[in-house]
Amino acid sequence: MGFAATDGLRVASRATWASQQHRVVDEIVAALHQEGVTHIFGVGGANIEDLYDAAAASRKVVAVLAKHEFSAATMADGYSRAGSGLGVVAATSGGASLNLVPGLGESLASRVPVLALVGQPPCAADGRGSFQDTSGQNGSLDALRLFAPVSVFCERIVDAADIGRVLQRAIAAARSGGPAVLLLPKDVQQSQIKYAEAAPQNAGIACTAAIPDPLLISRAIGTGTVTIIAGEQVARDDARHQLESLRAALGASAAAVPDAKDVLAEVTGAARLGVSGVMGHPGVADAVSASSVCLLIGTRLSATAAAGLELSRAGLRIISIGSRPPFPPCTHFHADNLRESLASLVRAVEQDRRDHSEVSARDALAAIPELSTPTCQEPGVRYRDAMAVLDDALGADVDIVVDAGNTGAAAIHYLPTRRDGRFIVALGMGGMGYSFGAGIGVAFARGHRTVVIAGDGSFFMHGMEIHTAVHYRLPITFVVFNNNAHAMCVTREQLFYGGGYTYNRFEKSRIGAGLAAMFPSLPAVDVDSTDGLYAALAAAHRTDGPSVISVDCSADEIPPFAPFLSHSTTS
């Protein structure tokens, strides 16, 4: 952990900062600073310590120390999703590097721009039985083959002179949507290179984004009734305003896929349908059924997001705009930059359609219909009631990060986004515990109050990352719904296997009291009522650092999750 070099060695390495040469790690940090990166997230170790040394020397990029590499990867992921562009995670060799895989898998599935800098033993040790050898030589683990499937770009650098060229290729690949991985042997990191050897920013990279012909798209859409389903690329390209302008020009209704709920931030009234898919709102399917065109914008529309939509219905045309074709068959228009593409399309639509009479009719205020869930008689705060308290108590600029499970389904379905805040949930891999690291990344990126919503199962996996929030005094409120179970698994046991046994209920815990004892400076409480939750939220928002609220709830409550509800009504 931390710097392993002696003070004397560290001073010697920094002495070259103003000379004609600097180290590969200094070049990496300088290039990241040029790219607008302000934070690197990771866990230290012998084969990545030089990067931390370079960050300390530059004083331009802050290296944040996490407690676990998975959480560091989710910090980078959350930092990127919050609007800061490129998230960067750093890890040392061996098991530390392997811990990155699930986090990078999430970024790959959700197309989040992340750069992973992975330390490796020196090249001279390759294939010689060295500690944590991942060169792939002589029977050793091959890190290149390991990381390639969970990345859009992966390369091992063995020649220090290649760093400028390869780094820029990696950054460009990540910015296209997904994680890029650079494998960095320790001796390469320490190598001195001339400033002239470092490739200039964006050298050899085509910077022009594909912009489809807006008139072709406008005429493909036609003049029928349109329902828009928007996705994560809208957030990545910061195209929320352009999305709403297009919706208004088309007189359309708009929904979002579950992991891009906040792209509807500027859509109001009856035009705002909510979320599609298994934990979504029934009005989305109704709107698609009544439409002649389903317009997909910046989403591949995975099975989780498409559930319940009759996309194969005769007479329904599916049109897509985005950087990758969707899973359902459709007419696809490739667009690397939705901000520019949608702006051009709005002008084309307005040219084709001079009559906007439909728009005002759709802007009347209307509540989004919700799924009907069975009544639960067990003790505890109900999900719907808790989300109503959160909606009332949270400010307009609060960022919300949601974890997996029953708690996540309830937050996605019931909790509205904030007008000036982000709503982030990771459904690409659905890794439990994502929110604890991601919330930290969001707080660093945005600099104001972040609310993490997770279950106790997620807490027991990666909740100790709360200590990182304590260490950096981050303005994060962690709301942990404690039902003493992996509740979604309990629900499945009850609905699909008769409920005669359970492997998924826990020994009862008091998470708030436990954390308060562990971290004396951390306000942490347990609550068992909506009044208690409201008071705890008010107190949490008065503190300038992190706080924890553990909410007692029931593992027997069925959440607003369509597969559960359809089964419970037929069984």
Foldseek 3Di string as FASTA:
>chain_A
DEAPDDPVVLVVQLVCVPPQKHFLLLLVVVLCVVVQAAEEEEADDDQCNLNVSSCVSVVRHHYFHFDAQLLSLLLQQLLQLLPRQEREYEFEADPRVVRNQVSLQLQALQQGQYEYEYGAAAPVCALVPDPRHQVPHVPHNPVQVVCVVSFQEEDEDNDLLCSQVVVLVQNVSSSLGGYYYYYYYRVSRGDMDGPVSRDPHCPPHDPDWDAFDLLVVLVVQPQWAEEEEEESLCSSLVQLVLVVLQCLLNLYAYEYALQAQCSPLPPAAQSDQAAAFQLTFPVNQVSQVVTQEYEYEADLQDNRRCPNHPCVDPRYAYEYEECDHHPDDHHYDHTSRCNVNSVSNSVSSCVVDVDSVSNVVRRHHDDHHADDFDDDPDAFDDLLLLLVLVQVQDALAEAEEEADALNRSSCRHRHHHRSNYHYGYRDSPRDQLSQLSSQNSSCVNPVDEYEYEHEVVSCVVHVVSVVSQVVVQTRYEYEYEYAQWSLRQCLCCVLPVVNPDDPTGHDDDFVQVVVCVVDVVEAGHEDGDSVVSNVVSVVSNVDSTYYYYYTYHHSPTGHSGNVSVVSVVVD
